[in-house]
Amino acid sequence: LKPDGSLTDKKVAFARSETHLTELLEGVCNSMSDYALY
């Protein structure tokens, strides 16, 4: 809270947010079974 009682938050696009990217990174290596040597 600021001294006047308002919040200091802001909105960002979810697609490129740190939270979303962290979730994506946790499962990104599971899709490596869809790749083969070419």
PDB file of all heavy atoms in Angstrom:
ATOM      1  N   LEU A   1       0.833  -1.201   0.000  1.00  0.00           N
ATOM      2  CA  LEU A   1       0.000   0.000   0.000  1.00  0.00           C
ATOM      3  C   LEU A   1       0.869   1.252   0.000  1.00  0.00           C
ATOM      4  O   LEU A   1       1.867   1.332   0.709  1.00  0.00           O
ATOM      5  CB  LEU A   1      -0.909   0.022   1.231  1.00  0.00           C
ATOM      6  CG  LEU A   1      -2.042  -0.986   1.266  1.00  0.00           C
ATOM      7  CD1 LEU A   1      -2.773  -0.894   2.607  1.00  0.00           C
ATOM      8  CD2 LEU A   1      -3.007  -0.749   0.129  1.00  0.00           C
ATOM      9  N   LYS A   2       0.460   2.210  -0.823  1.00  0.00           N
ATOM     10  CA  LYS A   2       1.103   3.519  -0.794  1.00  0.00           C
ATOM     11  C   LYS A   2       0.547   4.280   0.402  1.00  0.00           C
ATOM     12  O   LYS A   2      -0.468   3.883   0.981  1.00  0.00           O
ATOM     13  CB  LYS A   2       0.775   4.283  -2.090  1.00  0.00           C
ATOM     14  CG  LYS A   2       1.393   3.697  -3.336  1.00  0.00           C
ATOM     15  CD  LYS A   2       1.008   4.571  -4.523  1.00  0.00           C
ATOM     16  CE  LYS A   2       1.519   4.015  -5.811  1.00  0.00           C
ATOM     17  NZ  LYS A   2       1.114   4.818  -6.976  1.00  0.00           N
ATOM     18  N   PRO A   3       1.162   5.385   0.783  1.00  0.00           N
ATOM     19  CA  PRO A   3       0.645   6.171   1.914  1.00  0.00           C
ATOM     20  C   PRO A   3      -0.801   6.629   1.724  1.00  0.00           C
ATOM     21  O   PRO A   3      -1.523   6.801   2.704  1.00  0.00           O
ATOM     22  CB  PRO A   3       1.592   7.372   1.975  1.00  0.00           C
ATOM     23  CG  PRO A   3       2.858   6.891   1.354  1.00  0.00           C
ATOM     24  CD  PRO A   3       2.447   5.887   0.312  1.00  0.00           C
ATOM     25  N   ASP A   4      -1.227   6.764   0.450  1.00  0.00           N
ATOM     26  CA  ASP A   4      -2.608   7.207   0.226  1.00  0.00           C
ATOM     27  C   ASP A   4      -3.600   6.037   0.228  1.00  0.00           C
ATOM     28  O   ASP A   4      -4.792   6.229   0.043  1.00  0.00           O
ATOM     29  CB  ASP A   4      -2.722   7.992  -1.082  1.00  0.00           C
ATOM     30  CG  ASP A   4      -2.423   7.146  -2.313  1.00  0.00           C
ATOM     31  OD1 ASP A   4      -2.034   5.959  -2.162  1.00  0.00           O
ATOM     32  OD2 ASP A   4      -2.593   7.664  -3.431  1.00  0.00           O
ATOM     33  N   GLY A   5      -3.109   4.801   0.428  1.00  0.00           N
ATOM     34  CA  GLY A   5      -3.989   3.635   0.518  1.00  0.00           C
ATOM     35  C   GLY A   5      -4.172   2.868  -0.771  1.00  0.00           C
ATOM     36  O   GLY A   5      -4.863   1.861  -0.797  1.00  0.00           O
ATOM     37  N   SER A   6      -3.542   3.313  -1.864  1.00  0.00           N
ATOM     38  CA  SER A   6      -3.677   2.599  -3.133  1.00  0.00           C
ATOM     39  C   SER A   6      -2.553   1.567  -3.290  1.00  0.00           C
ATOM     40  O   SER A   6      -1.500   1.677  -2.662  1.00  0.00           O
ATOM     41  CB  SER A   6      -3.663   3.589  -4.298  1.00  0.00           C
ATOM     42  OG  SER A   6      -2.432   4.268  -4.329  1.00  0.00           O
ATOM     43  N   LEU A   7      -2.785   0.570  -4.158  1.00  0.00           N
ATOM     44  CA  LEU A   7      -1.794  -0.490  -4.396  1.00  0.00           C
ATOM     45  C   LEU A   7      -0.819  -0.080  -5.498  1.00  0.00           C
ATOM     46  O   LEU A   7      -1.160   0.680  -6.395  1.00  0.00           O
ATOM     47  CB  LEU A   7      -2.491  -1.786  -4.814  1.00  0.00           C
ATOM     48  CG  LEU A   7      -3.224  -2.552  -3.736  1.00  0.00           C
ATOM     49  CD1 LEU A   7      -3.967  -3.731  -4.326  1.00  0.00           C
ATOM     50  CD2 LEU A   7      -2.254  -3.057  -2.681  1.00  0.00           C
ATOM     51  N   THR A   8       0.389  -0.650  -5.453  1.00  0.00           N
ATOM     52  CA  THR A   8       1.411  -0.358  -6.462  1.00  0.00           C
ATOM     53  C   THR A   8       1.623  -1.556  -7.386  1.00  0.00           C
ATOM     54  O   THR A   8       2.744  -1.905  -7.708  1.00  0.00           O
ATOM     55  CB  THR A   8       2.754   0.002  -5.808  1.00  0.00           C
ATOM     56  OG1 THR A   8       3.168  -1.095  -4.996  1.00  0.00           O
ATOM     57  CG2 THR A   8       2.664   1.263  -5.006  1.00  0.00           C
ATOM     58  N   ASP A   9       0.558  -2.208  -7.793  1.00  0.00           N
ATOM     59  CA  ASP A   9       0.709  -3.349  -8.695  1.00  0.00           C
ATOM     60  C   ASP A   9       0.535  -2.896 -10.143  1.00  0.00           C
ATOM     61  O   ASP A   9       0.091  -1.786 -10.406  1.00  0.00           O
ATOM     62  CB  ASP A   9      -0.302  -4.449  -8.367  1.00  0.00           C
ATOM     63  CG  ASP A   9      -1.729  -4.024  -8.628  1.00  0.00           C
ATOM     64  OD1 ASP A   9      -2.012  -2.818  -8.560  1.00  0.00           O
ATOM     65  OD2 ASP A   9      -2.559  -4.908  -8.908  1.00  0.00           O
ATOM     66  N   LYS A  10       0.940  -3.764 -11.058  1.00  0.00           N
ATOM     67  CA  LYS A  10       0.718  -3.457 -12.465  1.00  0.00           C
ATOM     68  C   LYS A  10       0.372  -4.747 -13.191  1.00  0.00           C
ATOM     69  O   LYS A  10       0.668  -5.844 -12.723  1.00  0.00           O
ATOM     70  CB  LYS A  10       1.924  -2.767 -13.092  1.00  0.00           C
ATOM     71  CG  LYS A  10       3.140  -3.639 -13.304  1.00  0.00           C
ATOM     72  CD  LYS A  10       4.228  -2.848 -14.016  1.00  0.00           C
ATOM     73  CE  LYS A  10       5.340  -3.787 -14.445  1.00  0.00           C
ATOM     74  NZ  LYS A  10       6.402  -3.111 -15.154  1.00  0.00           N
ATOM     75  N   LYS A  11      -0.253  -4.612 -14.350  1.00  0.00           N
ATOM     76  CA  LYS A  11      -0.655  -5.770 -15.149  1.00  0.00           C
ATOM     77  C   LYS A  11       0.314  -5.933 -16.314  1.00  0.00           C
ATOM     78  O   LYS A  11       0.695  -4.955 -16.946  1.00  0.00           O
ATOM     79  CB  LYS A  11      -2.074  -5.582 -15.676  1.00  0.00           C
ATOM     80  CG  LYS A  11      -3.138  -5.616 -14.619  1.00  0.00           C
ATOM     81  CD  LYS A  11      -4.524  -5.595 -15.250  1.00  0.00           C
ATOM     82  CE  LYS A  11      -5.608  -5.617 -14.214  1.00  0.00           C
ATOM     83  NZ  LYS A  11      -5.767  -6.880 -13.550  1.00  0.00           N
ATOM     84  N   VAL A  12       0.717  -7.180 -16.566  1.00  0.00           N
ATOM     85  CA  VAL A  12       1.555  -7.501 -17.719  1.00  0.00           C
ATOM     86  C   VAL A  12       0.896  -8.635 -18.487  1.00  0.00           C
ATOM     87  O   VAL A  12       0.067  -9.378 -17.938  1.00  0.00           O
ATOM     88  CB  VAL A  12       2.994  -7.899 -17.312  1.00  0.00           C
ATOM     89  CG1 VAL A  12       3.714  -6.750 -16.643  1.00  0.00           C
ATOM     90  CG2 VAL A  12       2.995  -9.116 -16.423  1.00  0.00           C
ATOM     91  N   ALA A  13       1.269  -8.787 -19.746  1.00  0.00           N
ATOM     92  CA  ALA A  13       0.732  -9.873 -20.567  1.00  0.00           C
ATOM     93  C   ALA A  13       1.143 -11.209 -19.961  1.00  0.00           C
ATOM     94  O   ALA A  13       2.311 -11.428 -19.640  1.00  0.00           O
ATOM     95  CB  ALA A  13       1.240  -9.752 -21.990  1.00  0.00           C
ATOM     96  N   PHE A  14       0.175 -12.107 -19.800  1.00  0.00           N
ATOM     97  CA  PHE A  14       0.436 -13.400 -19.170  1.00  0.00           C
ATOM     98  C   PHE A  14       1.374 -14.254 -20.007  1.00  0.00           C
ATOM     99  O   PHE A  14       2.224 -14.969 -19.461  1.00  0.00           O
ATOM    100  CB  PHE A  14      -0.886 -14.138 -18.944  1.00  0.00           C
ATOM    101  CG  PHE A  14      -0.715 -15.504 -18.330  1.00  0.00           C
ATOM    102  CD1 PHE A  14      -0.344 -15.636 -17.002  1.00  0.00           C
ATOM    103  CD2 PHE A  14      -0.925 -16.649 -19.081  1.00  0.00           C
ATOM    104  CE1 PHE A  14      -0.180 -16.888 -16.438  1.00  0.00           C
ATOM    105  CE2 PHE A  14      -0.766 -17.906 -18.522  1.00  0.00           C
ATOM    106  CZ  PHE A  14      -0.394 -18.024 -17.195  1.00  0.00           C
ATOM    107  N   ALA A  15       1.266 -14.196 -21.326  1.00  0.00           N
ATOM    108  CA  ALA A  15       2.036 -15.072 -22.206  1.00  0.00           C
ATOM    109  C   ALA A  15       3.533 -14.963 -21.968  1.00  0.00           C
ATOM    110  O   ALA A  15       4.247 -15.964 -21.994  1.00  0.00           O
ATOM    111  CB  ALA A  15       1.711 -14.768 -23.668  1.00  0.00           C
ATOM    112  N   ARG A  16       4.032 -13.771 -21.740  1.00  0.00           N
ATOM    113  CA  ARG A  16       5.467 -13.571 -21.542  1.00  0.00           C
ATOM    114  C   ARG A  16       5.810 -13.170 -20.103  1.00  0.00           C
ATOM    115  O   ARG A  16       6.860 -12.593 -19.846  1.00  0.00           O
ATOM    116  CB  ARG A  16       5.997 -12.539 -22.531  1.00  0.00           C
ATOM    117  CG  ARG A  16       5.927 -13.050 -23.953  1.00  0.00           C
ATOM    118  CD  ARG A  16       6.774 -12.265 -24.903  1.00  0.00           C
ATOM    119  NE  ARG A  16       6.713 -12.844 -26.222  1.00  0.00           N
ATOM    120  CZ  ARG A  16       7.556 -13.767 -26.682  1.00  0.00           C
ATOM    121  NH1 ARG A  16       8.513 -14.203 -25.922  1.00  0.00           N
ATOM    122  NH2 ARG A  16       7.421 -14.257 -27.902  1.00  0.00           N
ATOM    123  N   SER A  17       4.934 -13.523 -19.175  1.00  0.00           N
ATOM    124  CA  SER A  17       5.209 -13.222 -17.767  1.00  0.00           C
ATOM    125  C   SER A  17       6.176 -14.266 -17.202  1.00  0.00           C
ATOM    126  O   SER A  17       6.266 -15.393 -17.693  1.00  0.00           O
ATOM    127  CB  SER A  17       3.917 -13.229 -16.952  1.00  0.00           C
ATOM    128  OG  SER A  17       3.390 -14.538 -16.868  1.00  0.00           O
ATOM    129  N   GLU A  18       6.885 -13.882 -16.175  1.00  0.00           N
ATOM    130  CA  GLU A  18       7.843 -14.789 -15.544  1.00  0.00           C
ATOM    131  C   GLU A  18       7.135 -16.033 -15.000  1.00  0.00           C
ATOM    132  O   GLU A  18       7.653 -17.140 -15.102  1.00  0.00           O
ATOM    133  CB  GLU A  18       8.587 -14.057 -14.427  1.00  0.00           C
ATOM    134  CG  GLU A  18       9.701 -14.866 -13.804  1.00  0.00           C
ATOM    135  CD  GLU A  18      10.504 -14.073 -12.794  1.00  0.00           C
ATOM    136  OE1 GLU A  18      10.581 -12.839 -12.894  1.00  0.00           O
ATOM    137  OE2 GLU A  18      11.064 -14.720 -11.887  1.00  0.00           O
ATOM    138  N   THR A  19       5.956 -15.856 -14.472  1.00  0.00           N
ATOM    139  CA  THR A  19       5.182 -16.971 -13.929  1.00  0.00           C
ATOM    140  C   THR A  19       4.852 -17.991 -15.017  1.00  0.00           C
ATOM    141  O   THR A  19       5.067 -19.187 -14.841  1.00  0.00           O
ATOM    142  CB  THR A  19       3.870 -16.448 -13.305  1.00  0.00           C
ATOM    143  OG1 THR A  19       4.186 -15.488 -12.315  1.00  0.00           O
ATOM    144  CG2 THR A  19       3.059 -17.571 -12.708  1.00  0.00           C
ATOM    145  N   HIS A  20       4.342 -17.515 -16.128  1.00  0.00           N
ATOM    146  CA  HIS A  20       3.970 -18.402 -17.224  1.00  0.00           C
ATOM    147  C   HIS A  20       5.196 -19.071 -17.839  1.00  0.00           C
ATOM    148  O   HIS A  20       5.187 -20.278 -18.130  1.00  0.00           O
ATOM    149  CB  HIS A  20       3.188 -17.621 -18.292  1.00  0.00           C
ATOM    150  CG  HIS A  20       2.649 -18.478 -19.375  1.00  0.00           C
ATOM    151  ND1 HIS A  20       2.945 -18.266 -20.688  1.00  0.00           N
ATOM    152  CD2 HIS A  20       1.837 -19.569 -19.351  1.00  0.00           C
ATOM    153  CE1 HIS A  20       2.346 -19.180 -21.442  1.00  0.00           C
ATOM    154  NE2 HIS A  20       1.664 -19.981 -20.639  1.00  0.00           N
ATOM    155  N   LEU A  21       6.267 -18.320 -18.044  1.00  0.00           N
ATOM    156  CA  LEU A  21       7.478 -18.888 -18.628  1.00  0.00           C
ATOM    157  C   LEU A  21       8.101 -19.948 -17.718  1.00  0.00           C
ATOM    158  O   LEU A  21       8.619 -20.957 -18.204  1.00  0.00           O
ATOM    159  CB  LEU A  21       8.482 -17.775 -18.929  1.00  0.00           C
ATOM    160  CG  LEU A  21       8.076 -16.823 -20.057  1.00  0.00           C
ATOM    161  CD1 LEU A  21       9.028 -15.631 -20.123  1.00  0.00           C
ATOM    162  CD2 LEU A  21       8.012 -17.547 -21.389  1.00  0.00           C
ATOM    163  N   THR A  22       8.019 -19.734 -16.410  1.00  0.00           N
ATOM    164  CA  THR A  22       8.528 -20.735 -15.468  1.00  0.00           C
ATOM    165  C   THR A  22       7.725 -22.027 -15.580  1.00  0.00           C
ATOM    166  O   THR A  22       8.293 -23.129 -15.594  1.00  0.00           O
ATOM    167  CB  THR A  22       8.484 -20.194 -14.027  1.00  0.00           C
ATOM    168  OG1 THR A  22       9.262 -18.996 -13.964  1.00  0.00           O
ATOM    169  CG2 THR A  22       9.024 -21.205 -13.045  1.00  0.00           C
ATOM    170  N   GLU A  23       6.408 -21.902 -15.682  1.00  0.00           N
ATOM    171  CA  GLU A  23       5.556 -23.088 -15.870  1.00  0.00           C
ATOM    172  C   GLU A  23       5.899 -23.814 -17.162  1.00  0.00           C
ATOM    173  O   GLU A  23       5.976 -25.041 -17.194  1.00  0.00           O
ATOM    174  CB  GLU A  23       4.083 -22.683 -15.902  1.00  0.00           C
ATOM    175  CG  GLU A  23       3.493 -22.326 -14.574  1.00  0.00           C
ATOM    176  CD  GLU A  23       2.035 -21.870 -14.706  1.00  0.00           C
ATOM    177  OE1 GLU A  23       1.410 -22.104 -15.760  1.00  0.00           O
ATOM    178  OE2 GLU A  23       1.536 -21.268 -13.739  1.00  0.00           O
ATOM    179  N   LEU A  24       6.086 -23.066 -18.231  1.00  0.00           N
ATOM    180  CA  LEU A  24       6.408 -23.670 -19.520  1.00  0.00           C
ATOM    181  C   LEU A  24       7.749 -24.389 -19.477  1.00  0.00           C
ATOM    182  O   LEU A  24       7.892 -25.480 -20.039  1.00  0.00           O
ATOM    183  CB  LEU A  24       6.425 -22.612 -20.629  1.00  0.00           C
ATOM    184  CG  LEU A  24       5.093 -21.967 -20.985  1.00  0.00           C
ATOM    185  CD1 LEU A  24       5.293 -20.905 -22.059  1.00  0.00           C
ATOM    186  CD2 LEU A  24       4.084 -23.007 -21.443  1.00  0.00           C
ATOM    187  N   LEU A  25       8.733 -23.783 -18.813  1.00  0.00           N
ATOM    188  CA  LEU A  25      10.062 -24.399 -18.726  1.00  0.00           C
ATOM    189  C   LEU A  25      10.037 -25.716 -17.961  1.00  0.00           C
ATOM    190  O   LEU A  25      10.840 -26.609 -18.241  1.00  0.00           O
ATOM    191  CB  LEU A  25      11.059 -23.450 -18.071  1.00  0.00           C
ATOM    192  CG  LEU A  25      11.783 -22.495 -19.000  1.00  0.00           C
ATOM    193  CD1 LEU A  25      12.729 -21.606 -18.217  1.00  0.00           C
ATOM    194  CD2 LEU A  25      12.540 -23.225 -20.079  1.00  0.00           C
ATOM    195  N   GLU A  26       9.136 -25.831 -16.997  1.00  0.00           N
ATOM    196  CA  GLU A  26       9.057 -27.065 -16.218  1.00  0.00           C
ATOM    197  C   GLU A  26       8.679 -28.264 -17.079  1.00  0.00           C
ATOM    198  O   GLU A  26       9.079 -29.382 -16.795  1.00  0.00           O
ATOM    199  CB  GLU A  26       8.063 -26.900 -15.067  1.00  0.00           C
ATOM    200  CG  GLU A  26       8.568 -26.008 -13.965  1.00  0.00           C
ATOM    201  CD  GLU A  26       7.533 -25.779 -12.874  1.00  0.00           C
ATOM    202  OE1 GLU A  26       6.459 -26.421 -12.894  1.00  0.00           O
ATOM    203  OE2 GLU A  26       7.804 -24.945 -11.993  1.00  0.00           O
ATOM    204  N   GLY A  27       7.908 -28.036 -18.140  1.00  0.00           N
ATOM    205  CA  GLY A  27       7.462 -29.157 -18.960  1.00  0.00           C
ATOM    206  C   GLY A  27       8.002 -29.190 -20.366  1.00  0.00           C
ATOM    207  O   GLY A  27       7.654 -30.076 -21.145  1.00  0.00           O
ATOM    208  N   VAL A  28       8.881 -28.236 -20.713  1.00  0.00           N
ATOM    209  CA  VAL A  28       9.340 -28.150 -22.105  1.00  0.00           C
ATOM    210  C   VAL A  28      10.117 -29.388 -22.546  1.00  0.00           C
ATOM    211  O   VAL A  28      10.017 -29.813 -23.701  1.00  0.00           O
ATOM    212  CB  VAL A  28      10.163 -26.854 -22.341  1.00  0.00           C
ATOM    213  CG1 VAL A  28      11.534 -26.934 -21.698  1.00  0.00           C
ATOM    214  CG2 VAL A  28      10.288 -26.569 -23.818  1.00  0.00           C
ATOM    215  N   CYS A  29      10.847 -30.008 -21.665  1.00  0.00           N
ATOM    216  CA  CYS A  29      11.680 -31.158 -22.058  1.00  0.00           C
ATOM    217  C   CYS A  29      10.866 -32.428 -22.263  1.00  0.00           C
ATOM    218  O   CYS A  29      11.365 -33.388 -22.850  1.00  0.00           O
ATOM    219  CB  CYS A  29      12.778 -31.379 -21.026  1.00  0.00           C
ATOM    220  SG  CYS A  29      13.937 -29.984 -20.957  1.00  0.00           S
ATOM    221  N   ASN A  30       9.616 -32.449 -21.790  1.00  0.00           N
ATOM    222  CA  ASN A  30       8.772 -33.621 -22.011  1.00  0.00           C
ATOM    223  C   ASN A  30       8.413 -33.799 -23.480  1.00  0.00           C
ATOM    224  O   ASN A  30       8.075 -34.897 -23.907  1.00  0.00           O
ATOM    225  CB  ASN A  30       7.503 -33.523 -21.166  1.00  0.00           C
ATOM    226  CG  ASN A  30       7.799 -33.609 -19.693  1.00  0.00           C
ATOM    227  OD1 ASN A  30       8.783 -34.202 -19.274  1.00  0.00           O
ATOM    228  ND2 ASN A  30       6.946 -32.990 -18.895  1.00  0.00           N
ATOM    229  N   SER A  31       8.473 -32.740 -24.254  1.00  0.00           N
ATOM    230  CA  SER A  31       8.135 -32.835 -25.677  1.00  0.00           C
ATOM    231  C   SER A  31       9.314 -33.288 -26.540  1.00  0.00           C
ATOM    232  O   SER A  31       9.176 -33.401 -27.761  1.00  0.00           O
ATOM    233  CB  SER A  31       7.608 -31.494 -26.178  1.00  0.00           C
ATOM    234  OG  SER A  31       8.611 -30.517 -26.064  1.00  0.00           O
ATOM    235  N   MET A  32      10.456 -33.581 -25.939  1.00  0.00           N
ATOM    236  CA  MET A  32      11.618 -34.013 -26.720  1.00  0.00           C
ATOM    237  C   MET A  32      11.414 -35.391 -27.343  1.00  0.00           C
ATOM    238  O   MET A  32      12.129 -35.764 -28.260  1.00  0.00           O
ATOM    239  CB  MET A  32      12.886 -34.021 -25.861  1.00  0.00           C
ATOM    240  CG  MET A  32      13.317 -32.649 -25.382  1.00  0.00           C
ATOM    241  SD  MET A  32      13.656 -31.485 -26.705  1.00  0.00           S
ATOM    242  CE  MET A  32      12.498 -30.190 -26.335  1.00  0.00           C
ATOM    243  N   SER A  33      10.413 -36.139 -26.872  1.00  0.00           N
ATOM    244  CA  SER A  33      10.117 -37.437 -27.497  1.00  0.00           C
ATOM    245  C   SER A  33       9.464 -37.261 -28.866  1.00  0.00           C
ATOM    246  O   SER A  33       9.329 -38.221 -29.616  1.00  0.00           O
ATOM    247  CB  SER A  33       9.222 -38.277 -26.587  1.00  0.00           C
ATOM    248  OG  SER A  33       8.023 -37.581 -26.325  1.00  0.00           O
ATOM    249  N   ASP A  34       9.083 -36.029 -29.209  1.00  0.00           N
ATOM    250  CA  ASP A  34       8.508 -35.727 -30.522  1.00  0.00           C
ATOM    251  C   ASP A  34       9.581 -35.370 -31.542  1.00  0.00           C
ATOM    252  O   ASP A  34       9.268 -34.963 -32.655  1.00  0.00           O
ATOM    253  CB  ASP A  34       7.522 -34.562 -30.422  1.00  0.00           C
ATOM    254  CG  ASP A  34       6.301 -34.912 -29.590  1.00  0.00           C
ATOM    255  OD1 ASP A  34       6.041 -36.108 -29.389  1.00  0.00           O
ATOM    256  OD2 ASP A  34       5.611 -33.980 -29.144  1.00  0.00           O
ATOM    257  N   TYR A  35      10.850 -35.491 -31.176  1.00  0.00           N
ATOM    258  CA  TYR A  35      11.965 -35.140 -32.042  1.00  0.00           C
ATOM    259  C   TYR A  35      12.792 -36.387 -32.343  1.00  0.00           C
ATOM    260  O   TYR A  35      12.870 -37.311 -31.542  1.00  0.00           O
ATOM    261  CB  TYR A  35      12.859 -34.094 -31.373  1.00  0.00           C
ATOM    262  CG  TYR A  35      12.224 -32.729 -31.269  1.00  0.00           C
ATOM    263  CD1 TYR A  35      11.258 -32.456 -30.300  1.00  0.00           C
ATOM    264  CD2 TYR A  35      12.572 -31.718 -32.141  1.00  0.00           C
ATOM    265  CE1 TYR A  35      10.665 -31.211 -30.209  1.00  0.00           C
ATOM    266  CE2 TYR A  35      11.983 -30.461 -32.053  1.00  0.00           C
ATOM    267  CZ  TYR A  35      11.036 -30.224 -31.088  1.00  0.00           C
ATOM    268  OH  TYR A  35      10.451 -28.987 -31.009  1.00  0.00           O
ATOM    269  N   ALA A  36      13.420 -36.388 -33.516  1.00  0.00           N
ATOM    270  CA  ALA A  36      14.310 -37.478 -33.898  1.00  0.00           C
ATOM    271  C   ALA A  36      15.445 -36.913 -34.735  1.00  0.00           C
ATOM    272  O   ALA A  36      15.353 -35.795 -35.271  1.00  0.00           O
ATOM    273  CB  ALA A  36      13.553 -38.543 -34.686  1.00  0.00           C
ATOM    274  N   LEU A  37      16.505 -37.694 -34.871  1.00  0.00           N
ATOM    275  CA  LEU A  37      17.654 -37.271 -35.659  1.00  0.00           C
ATOM    276  C   LEU A  37      17.272 -37.222 -37.129  1.00  0.00           C
ATOM    277  O   LEU A  37      16.714 -38.171 -37.674  1.00  0.00           O
ATOM    278  CB  LEU A  37      18.825 -38.231 -35.443  1.00  0.00           C
ATOM    279  CG  LEU A  37      20.158 -37.816 -36.053  1.00  0.00           C
ATOM    280  CD1 LEU A  37      20.639 -36.508 -35.441  1.00  0.00           C
ATOM    281  CD2 LEU A  37      21.191 -38.906 -35.830  1.00  0.00           C
ATOM    282  N   TYR A  38      17.562 -36.091 -37.756  1.00  0.00           N
ATOM    283  CA  TYR A  38      17.206 -35.856 -39.154  1.00  0.00           C
ATOM    284  C   TYR A  38      18.489 -35.601 -39.932  1.00  0.00           C
ATOM    285  O   TYR A  38      19.353 -34.843 -39.491  1.00  0.00           O
ATOM    286  CB  TYR A  38      16.273 -34.652 -39.255  1.00  0.00           C
ATOM    287  CG  TYR A  38      15.928 -34.246 -40.668  1.00  0.00           C
ATOM    288  CD1 TYR A  38      14.921 -34.885 -41.369  1.00  0.00           C
ATOM    289  CD2 TYR A  38      16.613 -33.213 -41.305  1.00  0.00           C
ATOM    290  CE1 TYR A  38      14.595 -34.514 -42.657  1.00  0.00           C
ATOM    291  CE2 TYR A  38      16.288 -32.832 -42.591  1.00  0.00           C
ATOM    292  CZ  TYR A  38      15.282 -33.491 -43.263  1.00  0.00           C
ATOM    293  OH  TYR A  38      14.966 -33.124 -44.545  1.00  0.00           O
TER     294      TYR A  38
END
